[in-house]
Amino acid sequence: MTNMTKIEGAKLVAELRLKGMNNIQIGETLDRNRNWVGTRITKARELGLLPPKPIMNRHDQVTLILKEKDCERGSIKQALSGLSEDELLWSLNQLPRGMSLAELLTAFVRDAYAEEMGNE
């Protein structure tokens, strides 16, 4: 494939993307690497040739951050098993009628965050 400007490449990549091709297929078709294709997709978005990049949902954000930190999600069961018996009983006694354990843990995190940020 001959050299082309970034805008020409963006137009070509957008055309192929809109036909349903993924980045790998576009790269193979145009004999270009993944970075070249990604840069042209970004340019195509800037030019309005492709829709904006989708906003990552919360589940995907959590997954990405945990992966970067080499951590796992864990479970409420794991969180509770790490508490002493006194800590567990105290926590359960804080649980209002009808509230789930997940909601209680959320409230604890919110309280700790507000305290640390000075928003008590």
PDB file of N, CA and C in Angstrom:
ATOM      1  N   MET A   1       0.847  -1.168   0.000  1.00  0.00           N
ATOM      2  CA  MET A   1       0.000   0.000   0.000  1.00  0.00           C
ATOM      3  C   MET A   1       0.897   1.237   0.000  1.00  0.00           C
ATOM      4  N   THR A   2       0.552   2.196  -0.810  1.00  0.00           N
ATOM      5  CA  THR A   2       1.353   3.415  -0.916  1.00  0.00           C
ATOM      6  C   THR A   2       1.141   4.296   0.301  1.00  0.00           C
ATOM      7  N   ASN A   3       2.057   5.257   0.470  1.00  0.00           N
ATOM      8  CA  ASN A   3       1.919   6.204   1.573  1.00  0.00           C
ATOM      9  C   ASN A   3       0.716   7.093   1.334  1.00  0.00           C
ATOM     10  N   MET A   4       0.043   7.448   2.416  1.00  0.00           N
ATOM     11  CA  MET A   4      -1.108   8.336   2.322  1.00  0.00           C
ATOM     12  C   MET A   4      -1.089   9.242   3.541  1.00  0.00           C
ATOM     13  N   THR A   5      -1.773  10.349   3.437  1.00  0.00           N
ATOM     14  CA  THR A   5      -1.845  11.261   4.573  1.00  0.00           C
ATOM     15  C   THR A   5      -2.685  10.619   5.665  1.00  0.00           C
ATOM     16  N   LYS A   6      -2.585  11.178   6.867  1.00  0.00           N
ATOM     17  CA  LYS A   6      -3.360  10.660   7.982  1.00  0.00           C
ATOM     18  C   LYS A   6      -4.862  10.798   7.710  1.00  0.00           C
ATOM     19  N   ILE A   7      -5.244  11.883   7.066  1.00  0.00           N
ATOM     20  CA  ILE A   7      -6.664  12.093   6.753  1.00  0.00           C
ATOM     21  C   ILE A   7      -7.140  11.075   5.721  1.00  0.00           C
ATOM     22  N   GLU A   8      -6.325  10.827   4.699  1.00  0.00           N
ATOM     23  CA  GLU A   8      -6.696   9.812   3.703  1.00  0.00           C
ATOM     24  C   GLU A   8      -6.831   8.439   4.368  1.00  0.00           C
ATOM     25  N   GLY A   9      -5.885   8.129   5.247  1.00  0.00           N
ATOM     26  CA  GLY A   9      -5.933   6.861   5.973  1.00  0.00           C
ATOM     27  C   GLY A   9      -7.163   6.769   6.859  1.00  0.00           C
ATOM     28  N   ALA A  10      -7.500   7.895   7.505  1.00  0.00           N
ATOM     29  CA  ALA A  10      -8.677   7.924   8.375  1.00  0.00           C
ATOM     30  C   ALA A  10      -9.939   7.661   7.576  1.00  0.00           C
ATOM     31  N   LYS A  11     -10.030   8.272   6.393  1.00  0.00           N
ATOM     32  CA  LYS A  11     -11.211   8.064   5.547  1.00  0.00           C
ATOM     33  C   LYS A  11     -11.327   6.605   5.123  1.00  0.00           C
ATOM     34  N   LEU A  12     -10.216   6.009   4.746  1.00  0.00           N
ATOM     35  CA  LEU A  12     -10.213   4.618   4.307  1.00  0.00           C
ATOM     36  C   LEU A  12     -10.554   3.682   5.463  1.00  0.00           C
ATOM     37  N   VAL A  13      -9.950   3.913   6.616  1.00  0.00           N
ATOM     38  CA  VAL A  13     -10.219   3.081   7.788  1.00  0.00           C
ATOM     39  C   VAL A  13     -11.686   3.219   8.201  1.00  0.00           C
ATOM     40  N   ALA A  14     -12.219   4.434   8.182  1.00  0.00           N
ATOM     41  CA  ALA A  14     -13.622   4.655   8.544  1.00  0.00           C
ATOM     42  C   ALA A  14     -14.538   3.882   7.603  1.00  0.00           C
ATOM     43  N   GLU A  15     -14.223   3.915   6.328  1.00  0.00           N
ATOM     44  CA  GLU A  15     -15.040   3.203   5.342  1.00  0.00           C
ATOM     45  C   GLU A  15     -15.063   1.704   5.647  1.00  0.00           C
ATOM     46  N   LEU A  16     -13.904   1.145   5.948  1.00  0.00           N
ATOM     47  CA  LEU A  16     -13.825  -0.283   6.248  1.00  0.00           C
ATOM     48  C   LEU A  16     -14.505  -0.611   7.580  1.00  0.00           C
ATOM     49  N   ARG A  17     -14.335   0.265   8.563  1.00  0.00           N
ATOM     50  CA  ARG A  17     -14.951   0.064   9.871  1.00  0.00           C
ATOM     51  C   ARG A  17     -16.473   0.071   9.748  1.00  0.00           C
ATOM     52  N   LEU A  18     -16.985   0.998   8.954  1.00  0.00           N
ATOM     53  CA  LEU A  18     -18.432   1.087   8.764  1.00  0.00           C
ATOM     54  C   LEU A  18     -18.993  -0.100   7.980  1.00  0.00           C
ATOM     55  N   LYS A  19     -18.117  -0.818   7.285  1.00  0.00           N
ATOM     56  CA  LYS A  19     -18.533  -2.049   6.599  1.00  0.00           C
ATOM     57  C   LYS A  19     -18.519  -3.246   7.545  1.00  0.00           C
ATOM     58  N   GLY A  20     -18.103  -2.981   8.807  1.00  0.00           N
ATOM     59  CA  GLY A  20     -18.147  -4.044   9.809  1.00  0.00           C
ATOM     60  C   GLY A  20     -16.823  -4.699  10.131  1.00  0.00           C
ATOM     61  N   MET A  21     -15.739  -4.205   9.555  1.00  0.00           N
ATOM     62  CA  MET A  21     -14.434  -4.809   9.827  1.00  0.00           C
ATOM     63  C   MET A  21     -13.907  -4.344  11.181  1.00  0.00           C
ATOM     64  N   ASN A  22     -13.206  -5.235  11.887  1.00  0.00           N
ATOM     65  CA  ASN A  22     -12.560  -4.849  13.138  1.00  0.00           C
ATOM     66  C   ASN A  22     -11.134  -4.378  12.848  1.00  0.00           C
ATOM     67  N   ASN A  23     -10.446  -3.905  13.868  1.00  0.00           N
ATOM     68  CA  ASN A  23      -9.103  -3.345  13.685  1.00  0.00           C
ATOM     69  C   ASN A  23      -8.123  -4.339  13.067  1.00  0.00           C
ATOM     70  N   ILE A  24      -8.198  -5.575  13.503  1.00  0.00           N
ATOM     71  CA  ILE A  24      -7.272  -6.595  12.974  1.00  0.00           C
ATOM     72  C   ILE A  24      -7.530  -6.810  11.483  1.00  0.00           C
ATOM     73  N   GLN A  25      -8.798  -6.933  11.117  1.00  0.00           N
ATOM     74  CA  GLN A  25      -9.148  -7.137   9.709  1.00  0.00           C
ATOM     75  C   GLN A  25      -8.726  -5.942   8.861  1.00  0.00           C
ATOM     76  N   ILE A  26      -8.930  -4.745   9.393  1.00  0.00           N
ATOM     77  CA  ILE A  26      -8.525  -3.543   8.651  1.00  0.00           C
ATOM     78  C   ILE A  26      -7.010  -3.542   8.458  1.00  0.00           C
ATOM     79  N   GLY A  27      -6.288  -3.849   9.522  1.00  0.00           N
ATOM     80  CA  GLY A  27      -4.826  -3.889   9.431  1.00  0.00           C
ATOM     81  C   GLY A  27      -4.342  -4.905   8.413  1.00  0.00           C
ATOM     82  N   GLU A  28      -4.964  -6.075   8.406  1.00  0.00           N
ATOM     83  CA  GLU A  28      -4.577  -7.111   7.449  1.00  0.00           C
ATOM     84  C   GLU A  28      -4.922  -6.683   6.019  1.00  0.00           C
ATOM     85  N   THR A  29      -6.085  -6.088   5.835  1.00  0.00           N
ATOM     86  CA  THR A  29      -6.519  -5.646   4.509  1.00  0.00           C
ATOM     87  C   THR A  29      -5.581  -4.579   3.956  1.00  0.00           C
ATOM     88  N   LEU A  30      -5.179  -3.649   4.819  1.00  0.00           N
ATOM     89  CA  LEU A  30      -4.340  -2.531   4.378  1.00  0.00           C
ATOM     90  C   LEU A  30      -2.846  -2.777   4.588  1.00  0.00           C
ATOM     91  N   ASP A  31      -2.517  -3.954   5.111  1.00  0.00           N
ATOM     92  CA  ASP A  31      -1.124  -4.297   5.410  1.00  0.00           C
ATOM     93  C   ASP A  31      -0.490  -3.245   6.329  1.00  0.00           C
ATOM     94  N   ARG A  32      -1.213  -2.939   7.406  1.00  0.00           N
ATOM     95  CA  ARG A  32      -0.753  -1.958   8.395  1.00  0.00           C
ATOM     96  C   ARG A  32      -0.844  -2.582   9.782  1.00  0.00           C
ATOM     97  N   ASN A  33      -0.057  -2.034  10.718  1.00  0.00           N
ATOM     98  CA  ASN A  33      -0.079  -2.580  12.066  1.00  0.00           C
ATOM     99  C   ASN A  33      -1.210  -1.972  12.895  1.00  0.00           C
ATOM    100  N   ARG A  34      -1.409  -2.549  14.064  1.00  0.00           N
ATOM    101  CA  ARG A  34      -2.495  -2.161  14.960  1.00  0.00           C
ATOM    102  C   ARG A  34      -2.416  -0.691  15.355  1.00  0.00           C
ATOM    103  N   ASN A  35      -1.225  -0.189  15.627  1.00  0.00           N
ATOM    104  CA  ASN A  35      -1.078   1.218  16.020  1.00  0.00           C
ATOM    105  C   ASN A  35      -1.499   2.158  14.892  1.00  0.00           C
ATOM    106  N   TRP A  36      -1.131   1.818  13.671  1.00  0.00           N
ATOM    107  CA  TRP A  36      -1.497   2.654  12.522  1.00  0.00           C
ATOM    108  C   TRP A  36      -3.016   2.721  12.400  1.00  0.00           C
ATOM    109  N   VAL A  37      -3.665   1.570  12.516  1.00  0.00           N
ATOM    110  CA  VAL A  37      -5.123   1.520  12.405  1.00  0.00           C
ATOM    111  C   VAL A  37      -5.768   2.318  13.537  1.00  0.00           C
ATOM    112  N   GLY A  38      -5.291   2.129  14.766  1.00  0.00           N
ATOM    113  CA  GLY A  38      -5.850   2.843  15.912  1.00  0.00           C
ATOM    114  C   GLY A  38      -5.729   4.349  15.783  1.00  0.00           C
ATOM    115  N   THR A  39      -4.575   4.815  15.288  1.00  0.00           N
ATOM    116  CA  THR A  39      -4.375   6.253  15.089  1.00  0.00           C
ATOM    117  C   THR A  39      -5.347   6.792  14.050  1.00  0.00           C
ATOM    118  N   ARG A  40      -5.572   6.032  12.982  1.00  0.00           N
ATOM    119  CA  ARG A  40      -6.496   6.482  11.928  1.00  0.00           C
ATOM    120  C   ARG A  40      -7.945   6.452  12.405  1.00  0.00           C
ATOM    121  N   ILE A  41      -8.283   5.517  13.272  1.00  0.00           N
ATOM    122  CA  ILE A  41      -9.636   5.482  13.837  1.00  0.00           C
ATOM    123  C   ILE A  41      -9.855   6.709  14.713  1.00  0.00           C
ATOM    124  N   THR A  42      -8.857   7.054  15.522  1.00  0.00           N
ATOM    125  CA  THR A  42      -8.953   8.263  16.353  1.00  0.00           C
ATOM    126  C   THR A  42      -9.142   9.492  15.475  1.00  0.00           C
ATOM    127  N   LYS A  43      -8.371   9.574  14.401  1.00  0.00           N
ATOM    128  CA  LYS A  43      -8.487  10.715  13.477  1.00  0.00           C
ATOM    129  C   LYS A  43      -9.871  10.722  12.815  1.00  0.00           C
ATOM    130  N   ALA A  44     -10.361   9.558  12.438  1.00  0.00           N
ATOM    131  CA  ALA A  44     -11.684   9.469  11.810  1.00  0.00           C
ATOM    132  C   ALA A  44     -12.768   9.950  12.776  1.00  0.00           C
ATOM    133  N   ARG A  45     -12.612   9.647  14.063  1.00  0.00           N
ATOM    134  CA  ARG A  45     -13.568  10.141  15.062  1.00  0.00           C
ATOM    135  C   ARG A  45     -13.486  11.660  15.167  1.00  0.00           C
ATOM    136  N   GLU A  46     -12.260  12.201  15.176  1.00  0.00           N
ATOM    137  CA  GLU A  46     -12.076  13.653  15.243  1.00  0.00           C
ATOM    138  C   GLU A  46     -12.729  14.346  14.048  1.00  0.00           C
ATOM    139  N   LEU A  47     -12.671  13.710  12.889  1.00  0.00           N
ATOM    140  CA  LEU A  47     -13.242  14.276  11.667  1.00  0.00           C
ATOM    141  C   LEU A  47     -14.743  14.030  11.546  1.00  0.00           C
ATOM    142  N   GLY A  48     -15.297  13.269  12.470  1.00  0.00           N
ATOM    143  CA  GLY A  48     -16.726  12.972  12.424  1.00  0.00           C
ATOM    144  C   GLY A  48     -17.087  11.863  11.456  1.00  0.00           C
ATOM    145  N   LEU A  49     -16.083  11.128  10.993  1.00  0.00           N
ATOM    146  CA  LEU A  49     -16.339  10.033  10.057  1.00  0.00           C
ATOM    147  C   LEU A  49     -16.812   8.770  10.771  1.00  0.00           C
ATOM    148  N   LEU A  50     -16.487   8.678  12.047  1.00  0.00           N
ATOM    149  CA  LEU A  50     -16.920   7.557  12.886  1.00  0.00           C
ATOM    150  C   LEU A  50     -17.537   8.130  14.155  1.00  0.00           C
ATOM    151  N   PRO A  51     -18.433   7.387  14.783  1.00  0.00           N
ATOM    152  CA  PRO A  51     -19.015   7.872  16.039  1.00  0.00           C
ATOM    153  C   PRO A  51     -17.949   7.937  17.129  1.00  0.00           C
ATOM    154  N   PRO A  52     -18.191   8.744  18.176  1.00  0.00           N
ATOM    155  CA  PRO A  52     -17.226   8.827  19.274  1.00  0.00           C
ATOM    156  C   PRO A  52     -17.018   7.469  19.928  1.00  0.00           C
ATOM    157  N   LYS A  53     -15.877   7.335  20.571  1.00  0.00           N
ATOM    158  CA  LYS A  53     -15.563   6.102  21.278  1.00  0.00           C
ATOM    159  C   LYS A  53     -16.595   5.899  22.383  1.00  0.00           C
ATOM    160  N   PRO A  54     -17.130   4.685  22.507  1.00  0.00           N
ATOM    161  CA  PRO A  54     -18.137   4.448  23.537  1.00  0.00           C
ATOM    162  C   PRO A  54     -17.558   4.663  24.930  1.00  0.00           C
ATOM    163  N   ILE A  55     -18.386   5.200  25.813  1.00  0.00           N
ATOM    164  CA  ILE A  55     -17.974   5.397  27.204  1.00  0.00           C
ATOM    165  C   ILE A  55     -17.968   4.037  27.879  1.00  0.00           C
ATOM    166  N   MET A  56     -16.897   3.773  28.623  1.00  0.00           N
ATOM    167  CA  MET A  56     -16.761   2.494  29.294  1.00  0.00           C
ATOM    168  C   MET A  56     -17.782   2.401  30.435  1.00  0.00           C
ATOM    169  N   ASN A  57     -18.468   1.273  30.529  1.00  0.00           N
ATOM    170  CA  ASN A  57     -19.426   1.118  31.618  1.00  0.00           C
ATOM    171  C   ASN A  57     -18.693   0.819  32.925  1.00  0.00           C
ATOM    172  N   ARG A  58     -19.409   0.939  34.018  1.00  0.00           N
ATOM    173  CA  ARG A  58     -18.782   0.803  35.341  1.00  0.00           C
ATOM    174  C   ARG A  58     -18.135  -0.564  35.516  1.00  0.00           C
ATOM    175  N   HIS A  59     -18.792  -1.628  35.081  1.00  0.00           N
ATOM    176  CA  HIS A  59     -18.233  -2.976  35.217  1.00  0.00           C
ATOM    177  C   HIS A  59     -16.881  -3.069  34.508  1.00  0.00           C
ATOM    178  N   ASP A  60     -16.819  -2.531  33.284  1.00  0.00           N
ATOM    179  CA  ASP A  60     -15.566  -2.558  32.529  1.00  0.00           C
ATOM    180  C   ASP A  60     -14.497  -1.693  33.184  1.00  0.00           C
ATOM    181  N   GLN A  61     -14.895  -0.546  33.765  1.00  0.00           N
ATOM    182  CA  GLN A  61     -13.933   0.308  34.463  1.00  0.00           C
ATOM    183  C   GLN A  61     -13.324  -0.442  35.638  1.00  0.00           C
ATOM    184  N   VAL A  62     -14.172  -1.091  36.427  1.00  0.00           N
ATOM    185  CA  VAL A  62     -13.688  -1.847  37.591  1.00  0.00           C
ATOM    186  C   VAL A  62     -12.751  -2.957  37.133  1.00  0.00           C
ATOM    187  N   THR A  63     -13.148  -3.678  36.102  1.00  0.00           N
ATOM    188  CA  THR A  63     -12.312  -4.766  35.583  1.00  0.00           C
ATOM    189  C   THR A  63     -10.947  -4.252  35.147  1.00  0.00           C
ATOM    190  N   LEU A  64     -10.919  -3.128  34.443  1.00  0.00           N
ATOM    191  CA  LEU A  64      -9.660  -2.546  33.975  1.00  0.00           C
ATOM    192  C   LEU A  64      -8.769  -2.123  35.139  1.00  0.00           C
ATOM    193  N   ILE A  65      -9.333  -1.436  36.118  1.00  0.00           N
ATOM    194  CA  ILE A  65      -8.543  -0.976  37.269  1.00  0.00           C
ATOM    195  C   ILE A  65      -8.008  -2.162  38.058  1.00  0.00           C
ATOM    196  N   LEU A  66      -8.849  -3.163  38.291  1.00  0.00           N
ATOM    197  CA  LEU A  66      -8.390  -4.342  39.029  1.00  0.00           C
ATOM    198  C   LEU A  66      -7.278  -5.063  38.276  1.00  0.00           C
ATOM    199  N   LYS A  67      -7.407  -5.139  36.960  1.00  0.00           N
ATOM    200  CA  LYS A  67      -6.368  -5.790  36.153  1.00  0.00           C
ATOM    201  C   LYS A  67      -5.056  -5.016  36.250  1.00  0.00           C
ATOM    202  N   GLU A  68      -5.131  -3.672  36.179  1.00  0.00           N
ATOM    203  CA  GLU A  68      -3.926  -2.845  36.287  1.00  0.00           C
ATOM    204  C   GLU A  68      -3.249  -3.013  37.635  1.00  0.00           C
ATOM    205  N   LYS A  69      -4.030  -3.239  38.686  1.00  0.00           N
ATOM    206  CA  LYS A  69      -3.499  -3.388  40.037  1.00  0.00           C
ATOM    207  C   LYS A  69      -3.201  -4.846  40.385  1.00  0.00           C
ATOM    208  N   ASP A  70      -3.429  -5.749  39.420  1.00  0.00           N
ATOM    209  CA  ASP A  70      -3.232  -7.180  39.624  1.00  0.00           C
ATOM    210  C   ASP A  70      -4.049  -7.667  40.818  1.00  0.00           C
ATOM    211  N   CYS A  71      -5.316  -7.237  40.874  1.00  0.00           N
ATOM    212  CA  CYS A  71      -6.229  -7.601  41.960  1.00  0.00           C
ATOM    213  C   CYS A  71      -7.422  -8.360  41.398  1.00  0.00           C
ATOM    214  N   GLU A  72      -8.143  -9.005  42.306  1.00  0.00           N
ATOM    215  CA  GLU A  72      -9.361  -9.719  41.928  1.00  0.00           C
ATOM    216  C   GLU A  72     -10.565  -9.039  42.548  1.00  0.00           C
ATOM    217  N   ARG A  73     -11.746  -9.327  42.029  1.00  0.00           N
ATOM    218  CA  ARG A  73     -12.981  -8.755  42.563  1.00  0.00           C
ATOM    219  C   ARG A  73     -13.269  -9.239  43.980  1.00  0.00           C
ATOM    220  N   GLY A  74     -13.103 -10.510  44.217  1.00  0.00           N
ATOM    221  CA  GLY A  74     -13.470 -11.052  45.517  1.00  0.00           C
ATOM    222  C   GLY A  74     -14.982 -11.131  45.654  1.00  0.00           C
ATOM    223  N   SER A  75     -15.428 -11.399  46.867  1.00  0.00           N
ATOM    224  CA  SER A  75     -16.862 -11.528  47.123  1.00  0.00           C
ATOM    225  C   SER A  75     -17.163 -11.006  48.518  1.00  0.00           C
ATOM    226  N   ILE A  76     -18.437 -10.795  48.783  1.00  0.00           N
ATOM    227  CA  ILE A  76     -18.838 -10.375  50.126  1.00  0.00           C
ATOM    228  C   ILE A  76     -18.444 -11.459  51.124  1.00  0.00           C
ATOM    229  N   LYS A  77     -18.588 -12.705  50.720  1.00  0.00           N
ATOM    230  CA  LYS A  77     -18.215 -13.823  51.595  1.00  0.00           C
ATOM    231  C   LYS A  77     -16.740 -13.725  51.983  1.00  0.00           C
ATOM    232  N   GLN A  78     -15.876 -13.416  51.007  1.00  0.00           N
ATOM    233  CA  GLN A  78     -14.456 -13.272  51.310  1.00  0.00           C
ATOM    234  C   GLN A  78     -14.212 -12.092  52.244  1.00  0.00           C
ATOM    235  N   ALA A  79     -14.927 -10.983  52.009  1.00  0.00           N
ATOM    236  CA  ALA A  79     -14.753  -9.799  52.858  1.00  0.00           C
ATOM    237  C   ALA A  79     -15.145 -10.123  54.294  1.00  0.00           C
ATOM    238  N   LEU A  80     -16.260 -10.791  54.474  1.00  0.00           N
ATOM    239  CA  LEU A  80     -16.726 -11.123  55.819  1.00  0.00           C
ATOM    240  C   LEU A  80     -15.827 -12.150  56.492  1.00  0.00           C
ATOM    241  N   SER A  81     -15.275 -13.079  55.727  1.00  0.00           N
ATOM    242  CA  SER A  81     -14.422 -14.118  56.323  1.00  0.00           C
ATOM    243  C   SER A  81     -13.101 -13.534  56.826  1.00  0.00           C
ATOM    244  N   GLY A  82     -12.748 -12.356  56.350  1.00  0.00           N
ATOM    245  CA  GLY A  82     -11.517 -11.712  56.815  1.00  0.00           C
ATOM    246  C   GLY A  82     -11.692 -10.939  58.112  1.00  0.00           C
ATOM    247  N   LEU A  83     -12.921 -10.849  58.616  1.00  0.00           N
ATOM    248  CA  LEU A  83     -13.194 -10.117  59.854  1.00  0.00           C
ATOM    249  C   LEU A  83     -13.122 -11.042  61.061  1.00  0.00           C
ATOM    250  N   SER A  84     -12.749 -10.476  62.201  1.00  0.00           N
ATOM    251  CA  SER A  84     -12.823 -11.250  63.439  1.00  0.00           C
ATOM    252  C   SER A  84     -14.294 -11.446  63.776  1.00  0.00           C
ATOM    253  N   GLU A  85     -14.570 -12.341  64.726  1.00  0.00           N
ATOM    254  CA  GLU A  85     -15.958 -12.579  65.105  1.00  0.00           C
ATOM    255  C   GLU A  85     -16.591 -11.304  65.662  1.00  0.00           C
ATOM    256  N   ASP A  86     -15.848 -10.556  66.480  1.00  0.00           N
ATOM    257  CA  ASP A  86     -16.375  -9.304  67.036  1.00  0.00           C
ATOM    258  C   ASP A  86     -16.653  -8.282  65.931  1.00  0.00           C
ATOM    259  N   GLU A  87     -15.734  -8.171  64.966  1.00  0.00           N
ATOM    260  CA  GLU A  87     -15.932  -7.229  63.850  1.00  0.00           C
ATOM    261  C   GLU A  87     -17.142  -7.634  63.009  1.00  0.00           C
ATOM    262  N   LEU A  88     -17.284  -8.929  62.784  1.00  0.00           N
ATOM    263  CA  LEU A  88     -18.405  -9.426  61.993  1.00  0.00           C
ATOM    264  C   LEU A  88     -19.735  -9.139  62.688  1.00  0.00           C
ATOM    265  N   LEU A  89     -19.813  -9.457  63.984  1.00  0.00           N
ATOM    266  CA  LEU A  89     -21.053  -9.222  64.719  1.00  0.00           C
ATOM    267  C   LEU A  89     -21.371  -7.729  64.785  1.00  0.00           C
ATOM    268  N   TRP A  90     -20.363  -6.916  65.000  1.00  0.00           N
ATOM    269  CA  TRP A  90     -20.593  -5.467  65.020  1.00  0.00           C
ATOM    270  C   TRP A  90     -21.145  -5.003  63.677  1.00  0.00           C
ATOM    271  N   SER A  91     -20.532  -5.470  62.589  1.00  0.00           N
ATOM    272  CA  SER A  91     -20.981  -5.089  61.251  1.00  0.00           C
ATOM    273  C   SER A  91     -22.427  -5.495  61.016  1.00  0.00           C
ATOM    274  N   LEU A  92     -22.753  -6.713  61.386  1.00  0.00           N
ATOM    275  CA  LEU A  92     -24.110  -7.210  61.172  1.00  0.00           C
ATOM    276  C   LEU A  92     -25.127  -6.457  62.033  1.00  0.00           C
ATOM    277  N   ASN A  93     -24.700  -6.016  63.209  1.00  0.00           N
ATOM    278  CA  ASN A  93     -25.597  -5.230  64.063  1.00  0.00           C
ATOM    279  C   ASN A  93     -25.838  -3.832  63.491  1.00  0.00           C
ATOM    280  N   GLN A  94     -24.996  -3.372  62.585  1.00  0.00           N
ATOM    281  CA  GLN A  94     -25.178  -2.074  61.936  1.00  0.00           C
ATOM    282  C   GLN A  94     -26.175  -2.155  60.786  1.00  0.00           C
ATOM    283  N   LEU A  95     -26.514  -3.365  60.412  1.00  0.00           N
ATOM    284  CA  LEU A  95     -27.360  -3.613  59.240  1.00  0.00           C
ATOM    285  C   LEU A  95     -28.823  -3.301  59.550  1.00  0.00           C
ATOM    286  N   PRO A  96     -29.354  -2.228  58.951  1.00  0.00           N
ATOM    287  CA  PRO A  96     -30.781  -1.921  59.158  1.00  0.00           C
ATOM    288  C   PRO A  96     -31.660  -2.989  58.515  1.00  0.00           C
ATOM    289  N   ARG A  97     -32.837  -3.165  59.063  1.00  0.00           N
ATOM    290  CA  ARG A  97     -33.789  -4.145  58.527  1.00  0.00           C
ATOM    291  C   ARG A  97     -34.049  -3.835  57.051  1.00  0.00           C
ATOM    292  N   GLY A  98     -33.951  -4.863  56.210  1.00  0.00           N
ATOM    293  CA  GLY A  98     -34.231  -4.712  54.788  1.00  0.00           C
ATOM    294  C   GLY A  98     -33.032  -4.312  53.934  1.00  0.00           C
ATOM    295  N   MET A  99     -31.903  -3.953  54.557  1.00  0.00           N
ATOM    296  CA  MET A  99     -30.707  -3.552  53.791  1.00  0.00           C
ATOM    297  C   MET A  99     -29.870  -4.790  53.503  1.00  0.00           C
ATOM    298  N   SER A 100     -29.293  -4.846  52.331  1.00  0.00           N
ATOM    299  CA  SER A 100     -28.415  -5.972  51.989  1.00  0.00           C
ATOM    300  C   SER A 100     -27.008  -5.723  52.523  1.00  0.00           C
ATOM    301  N   LEU A 101     -26.228  -6.798  52.617  1.00  0.00           N
ATOM    302  CA  LEU A 101     -24.828  -6.646  53.020  1.00  0.00           C
ATOM    303  C   LEU A 101     -24.062  -5.773  52.034  1.00  0.00           C
ATOM    304  N   ALA A 102     -24.379  -5.914  50.748  1.00  0.00           N
ATOM    305  CA  ALA A 102     -23.706  -5.095  49.729  1.00  0.00           C
ATOM    306  C   ALA A 102     -23.997  -3.620  49.964  1.00  0.00           C
ATOM    307  N   GLU A 103     -25.243  -3.287  50.298  1.00  0.00           N
ATOM    308  CA  GLU A 103     -25.598  -1.885  50.565  1.00  0.00           C
ATOM    309  C   GLU A 103     -24.881  -1.370  51.810  1.00  0.00           C
ATOM    310  N   LEU A 104     -24.746  -2.228  52.823  1.00  0.00           N
ATOM    311  CA  LEU A 104     -24.027  -1.828  54.029  1.00  0.00           C
ATOM    312  C   LEU A 104     -22.558  -1.553  53.728  1.00  0.00           C
ATOM    313  N   LEU A 105     -21.933  -2.434  52.944  1.00  0.00           N
ATOM    314  CA  LEU A 105     -20.527  -2.216  52.571  1.00  0.00           C
ATOM    315  C   LEU A 105     -20.381  -0.934  51.760  1.00  0.00           C
ATOM    316  N   THR A 106     -21.335  -0.658  50.902  1.00  0.00           N
ATOM    317  CA  THR A 106     -21.324   0.590  50.131  1.00  0.00           C
ATOM    318  C   THR A 106     -21.392   1.784  51.067  1.00  0.00           C
ATOM    319  N   ALA A 107     -22.259   1.714  52.066  1.00  0.00           N
ATOM    320  CA  ALA A 107     -22.387   2.810  53.034  1.00  0.00           C
ATOM    321  C   ALA A 107     -21.083   3.003  53.810  1.00  0.00           C
ATOM    322  N   PHE A 108     -20.441   1.902  54.213  1.00  0.00           N
ATOM    323  CA  PHE A 108     -19.159   2.006  54.918  1.00  0.00           C
ATOM    324  C   PHE A 108     -18.107   2.706  54.056  1.00  0.00           C
ATOM    325  N   VAL A 109     -18.021   2.314  52.786  1.00  0.00           N
ATOM    326  CA  VAL A 109     -17.042   2.924  51.881  1.00  0.00           C
ATOM    327  C   VAL A 109     -17.347   4.409  51.709  1.00  0.00           C
ATOM    328  N   ARG A 110     -18.607   4.745  51.514  1.00  0.00           N
ATOM    329  CA  ARG A 110     -18.993   6.155  51.352  1.00  0.00           C
ATOM    330  C   ARG A 110     -18.633   6.972  52.584  1.00  0.00           C
ATOM    331  N   ASP A 111     -18.892   6.424  53.770  1.00  0.00           N
ATOM    332  CA  ASP A 111     -18.545   7.129  55.005  1.00  0.00           C
ATOM    333  C   ASP A 111     -17.038   7.331  55.120  1.00  0.00           C
ATOM    334  N   ALA A 112     -16.267   6.281  54.835  1.00  0.00           N
ATOM    335  CA  ALA A 112     -14.805   6.382  54.915  1.00  0.00           C
ATOM    336  C   ALA A 112     -14.269   7.388  53.898  1.00  0.00           C
ATOM    337  N   TYR A 113     -14.822   7.363  52.698  1.00  0.00           N
ATOM    338  CA  TYR A 113     -14.403   8.298  51.645  1.00  0.00           C
ATOM    339  C   TYR A 113     -14.704   9.737  52.060  1.00  0.00           C
ATOM    340  N   ALA A 114     -15.927   9.969  52.556  1.00  0.00           N
ATOM    341  CA  ALA A 114     -16.309  11.323  52.972  1.00  0.00           C
ATOM    342  C   ALA A 114     -15.407  11.816  54.101  1.00  0.00           C
ATOM    343  N   GLU A 115     -15.079  10.933  55.019  1.00  0.00           N
ATOM    344  CA  GLU A 115     -14.196  11.304  56.143  1.00  0.00           C
ATOM    345  C   GLU A 115     -12.805  11.657  55.634  1.00  0.00           C
ATOM    346  N   GLU A 116     -12.273  10.848  54.720  1.00  0.00           N
ATOM    347  CA  GLU A 116     -10.931  11.109  54.194  1.00  0.00           C
ATOM    348  C   GLU A 116     -10.881  12.382  53.347  1.00  0.00           C
ATOM    349  N   MET A 117     -11.963  12.655  52.626  1.00  0.00           N
ATOM    350  CA  MET A 117     -12.008  13.839  51.771  1.00  0.00           C
ATOM    351  C   MET A 117     -12.439  15.088  52.520  1.00  0.00           C
ATOM    352  N   GLY A 118     -12.755  14.923  53.799  1.00  0.00           N
ATOM    353  CA  GLY A 118     -13.164  16.073  54.605  1.00  0.00           C
ATOM    354  C   GLY A 118     -14.581  16.527  54.322  1.00  0.00           C
ATOM    355  N   ASN A 119     -15.417  15.605  53.860  1.00  0.00           N
ATOM    356  CA  ASN A 119     -16.822  15.942  53.530  1.00  0.00           C
ATOM    357  C   ASN A 119     -17.791  15.331  54.518  1.00  0.00           C
ATOM    358  N   GLU A 120     -17.414  15.263  55.770  1.00  0.00           N
ATOM    359  CA  GLU A 120     -18.279  14.597  56.749  1.00  0.00           C
ATOM    360  C   GLU A 120     -19.582  15.303  56.936  1.00  0.00           C
TER     361      GLU A 120
END
